Each structure stands twice: as C-alpha cells, then as structure tokens.
C-alpha cells in the first residue's frame, strides 16, 4: 500500500457548447416549452425537473443525457443540414 503514490487531480475547465448552454438555461429557468419542443416526446421521456441540480449536472456532462434531447437535437441538425454523421454530432454537442 505504501508504493501507491497519492492521488493527483487536474481540473481542466472547458466552455459549454451552444447546445449545452441552451439546455442549461432552459432547465435552470424550468422552461418546459423549450424542453418539450419537437412534439415527439412521450410523458415518460420528458426531462424531470424535480431534481434541478442533477439535470444541470447531466447537461454539463452531455446534453444527450437529458431525456428527449438527442432526438430533438438530431432533428434540428438535419433541418439545418449542419451535421449528418451521428458520431460527429455526438462529439460536437459535448464541450469536451
């Protein structure tokens, strides 16, 4: 046990992407109209705003962790003809 060096932690701060900022603000303000846009979201797939801190944390990690966000983001990107490759979209939505 003595051979294990002490834990060293490095924090790397990154800025949220535009999508993350939109979802963060909507969750923080409890804007259900923004969160439910797209119309294809069933009641069971809606983001729960009961635990706001957890939803904000999920948004900061990756917006796809929010229920229904992946479908809405995919549809919007396809309409704008921005990113068609799902892997590129996955990486582009994350600030990491």
C-alpha atoms as a PDB file:
ATOM      1  CA  UNK A   1       0.000   0.000   0.000  1.00  0.00           C
ATOM      2  CA  UNK A   2       2.895   2.354   0.578  1.00  0.00           C
ATOM      3  CA  UNK A   3       4.011   2.007  -3.061  1.00  0.00           C
ATOM      4  CA  UNK A   4       0.858   3.695  -4.374  1.00  0.00           C
ATOM      5  CA  UNK A   5       1.519   7.413  -4.943  1.00  0.00           C
ATOM      6  CA  UNK A   6      -1.010   9.934  -3.615  1.00  0.00           C
ATOM      7  CA  UNK A   7      -3.919  10.771  -5.863  1.00  0.00           C
ATOM      8  CA  UNK A   8      -3.305  13.778  -8.058  1.00  0.00           C
ATOM      9  CA  UNK A   9      -6.243  15.584  -9.635  1.00  0.00           C
ATOM     10  CA  UNK A  10      -6.081  18.041 -12.520  1.00  0.00           C
ATOM     11  CA  UNK A  11      -9.077  20.197 -13.360  1.00  0.00           C
ATOM     12  CA  UNK A  12      -9.483  21.271 -16.952  1.00  0.00           C
ATOM     13  CA  UNK A  13     -12.172  23.880 -17.412  1.00  0.00           C
ATOM     14  CA  UNK A  14     -13.979  23.917 -20.746  1.00  0.00           C
ATOM     15  CA  UNK A  15     -16.765  26.121 -22.006  1.00  0.00           C
ATOM     16  CA  UNK A  16     -20.224  24.724 -22.637  1.00  0.00           C
ATOM     17  CA  UNK A  17     -21.239  24.286 -26.274  1.00  0.00           C
ATOM     18  CA  UNK A  18     -24.126  26.315 -27.705  1.00  0.00           C
ATOM     19  CA  UNK A  19     -26.498  23.343 -27.347  1.00  0.00           C
ATOM     20  CA  UNK A  20     -25.436  22.796 -23.742  1.00  0.00           C
ATOM     21  CA  UNK A  21     -25.965  26.485 -22.968  1.00  0.00           C
ATOM     22  CA  UNK A  22     -29.487  26.384 -24.426  1.00  0.00           C
ATOM     23  CA  UNK A  23     -30.467  23.312 -22.422  1.00  0.00           C
ATOM     24  CA  UNK A  24     -28.766  24.587 -19.254  1.00  0.00           C
ATOM     25  CA  UNK A  25     -30.725  27.843 -19.394  1.00  0.00           C
ATOM     26  CA  UNK A  26     -33.994  26.026 -20.161  1.00  0.00           C
ATOM     27  CA  UNK A  27     -33.505  23.644 -17.241  1.00  0.00           C
ATOM     28  CA  UNK A  28     -32.402  26.405 -14.871  1.00  0.00           C
ATOM     29  CA  UNK A  29     -35.432  28.540 -15.772  1.00  0.00           C
ATOM     30  CA  UNK A  30     -37.669  25.431 -15.877  1.00  0.00           C
ATOM     31  CA  UNK A  31     -38.716  26.319 -19.427  1.00  0.00           C
ATOM     32  CA  UNK A  32     -40.802  23.248 -20.290  1.00  0.00           C
ATOM     33  CA  UNK A  33     -41.853  24.749 -23.628  1.00  0.00           C
ATOM     34  CA  UNK A  34     -38.226  24.644 -24.828  1.00  0.00           C
ATOM     35  CA  UNK A  35     -37.572  21.208 -23.344  1.00  0.00           C
ATOM     36  CA  UNK A  36     -40.661  19.659 -24.943  1.00  0.00           C
ATOM     37  CA  UNK A  37     -40.273  21.177 -28.404  1.00  0.00           C
ATOM     38  CA  UNK A  38     -40.221  18.684 -31.205  1.00  0.00           C
ATOM     39  CA  UNK A  39     -43.541  17.187 -30.132  1.00  0.00           C
ATOM     40  CA  UNK A  40     -42.379  13.559 -30.369  1.00  0.00           C
ATOM     41  CA  UNK A  41     -41.560  13.272 -26.677  1.00  0.00           C
ATOM     42  CA  UNK A  42     -43.805  10.977 -24.637  1.00  0.00           C
ATOM     43  CA  UNK A  43     -44.596  11.709 -20.999  1.00  0.00           C
ATOM     44  CA  UNK A  44     -42.136   9.044 -19.832  1.00  0.00           C
ATOM     45  CA  UNK A  45     -39.323  10.591 -21.907  1.00  0.00           C
ATOM     46  CA  UNK A  46     -39.714  14.141 -20.618  1.00  0.00           C
ATOM     47  CA  UNK A  47     -36.898  15.543 -18.502  1.00  0.00           C
ATOM     48  CA  UNK A  48     -37.810  15.597 -14.830  1.00  0.00           C
ATOM     49  CA  UNK A  49     -37.320  18.987 -13.245  1.00  0.00           C
ATOM     50  CA  UNK A  50     -37.816  17.709  -9.700  1.00  0.00           C
ATOM     51  CA  UNK A  51     -34.065  17.493  -9.062  1.00  0.00           C
ATOM     52  CA  UNK A  52     -32.730  20.565 -10.811  1.00  0.00           C
ATOM     53  CA  UNK A  53     -29.125  20.126  -9.692  1.00  0.00           C
ATOM     54  CA  UNK A  54     -28.950  16.632 -11.199  1.00  0.00           C
ATOM     55  CA  UNK A  55     -30.467  17.776 -14.503  1.00  0.00           C
ATOM     56  CA  UNK A  56     -27.970  20.669 -14.731  1.00  0.00           C
ATOM     57  CA  UNK A  57     -25.129  18.281 -13.987  1.00  0.00           C
ATOM     58  CA  UNK A  58     -26.301  15.920 -16.737  1.00  0.00           C
ATOM     59  CA  UNK A  59     -26.495  18.838 -19.154  1.00  0.00           C
ATOM     60  CA  UNK A  60     -22.919  19.863 -18.361  1.00  0.00           C
ATOM     61  CA  UNK A  61     -21.674  16.312 -18.918  1.00  0.00           C
ATOM     62  CA  UNK A  62     -23.505  15.865 -22.218  1.00  0.00           C
ATOM     63  CA  UNK A  63     -26.914  17.137 -23.414  1.00  0.00           C
ATOM     64  CA  UNK A  64     -27.854  13.672 -24.721  1.00  0.00           C
ATOM     65  CA  UNK A  65     -28.203  12.560 -21.086  1.00  0.00           C
ATOM     66  CA  UNK A  66     -31.364  14.686 -20.845  1.00  0.00           C
ATOM     67  CA  UNK A  67     -34.463  12.697 -21.791  1.00  0.00           C
ATOM     68  CA  UNK A  68     -35.658  13.577 -25.296  1.00  0.00           C
ATOM     69  CA  UNK A  69     -32.775  15.918 -26.110  1.00  0.00           C
ATOM     70  CA  UNK A  70     -30.972  13.579 -28.516  1.00  0.00           C
ATOM     71  CA  UNK A  71     -33.981  13.254 -30.814  1.00  0.00           C
ATOM     72  CA  UNK A  72     -34.664  16.990 -30.801  1.00  0.00           C
ATOM     73  CA  UNK A  73     -31.018  17.911 -31.451  1.00  0.00           C
ATOM     74  CA  UNK A  74     -30.787  15.336 -34.262  1.00  0.00           C
ATOM     75  CA  UNK A  75     -33.928  16.700 -35.943  1.00  0.00           C
ATOM     76  CA  UNK A  76     -32.725  20.304 -35.674  1.00  0.00           C
ATOM     77  CA  UNK A  77     -29.283  19.491 -37.084  1.00  0.00           C
ATOM     78  CA  UNK A  78     -30.837  17.629 -40.011  1.00  0.00           C
ATOM     79  CA  UNK A  79     -33.114  20.592 -40.769  1.00  0.00           C
ATOM     80  CA  UNK A  80     -30.152  22.958 -40.745  1.00  0.00           C
ATOM     81  CA  UNK A  81     -28.075  20.475 -42.811  1.00  0.00           C
ATOM     82  CA  UNK A  82     -25.226  21.026 -40.386  1.00  0.00           C
ATOM     83  CA  UNK A  83     -24.013  17.632 -39.191  1.00  0.00           C
ATOM     84  CA  UNK A  84     -25.387  14.398 -40.608  1.00  0.00           C
ATOM     85  CA  UNK A  85     -22.914  11.927 -39.086  1.00  0.00           C
ATOM     86  CA  UNK A  86     -24.201  10.781 -35.667  1.00  0.00           C
ATOM     87  CA  UNK A  87     -20.696  10.405 -34.217  1.00  0.00           C
ATOM     88  CA  UNK A  88     -19.686  13.921 -35.275  1.00  0.00           C
ATOM     89  CA  UNK A  89     -22.928  15.259 -33.768  1.00  0.00           C
ATOM     90  CA  UNK A  90     -22.236  13.348 -30.535  1.00  0.00           C
ATOM     91  CA  UNK A  91     -18.801  14.937 -30.218  1.00  0.00           C
ATOM     92  CA  UNK A  92     -19.954  18.401 -31.327  1.00  0.00           C
ATOM     93  CA  UNK A  93     -22.641  18.534 -28.620  1.00  0.00           C
ATOM     94  CA  UNK A  94     -20.119  17.879 -25.870  1.00  0.00           C
ATOM     95  CA  UNK A  95     -17.770  20.558 -24.619  1.00  0.00           C
ATOM     96  CA  UNK A  96     -15.051  18.003 -24.001  1.00  0.00           C
END
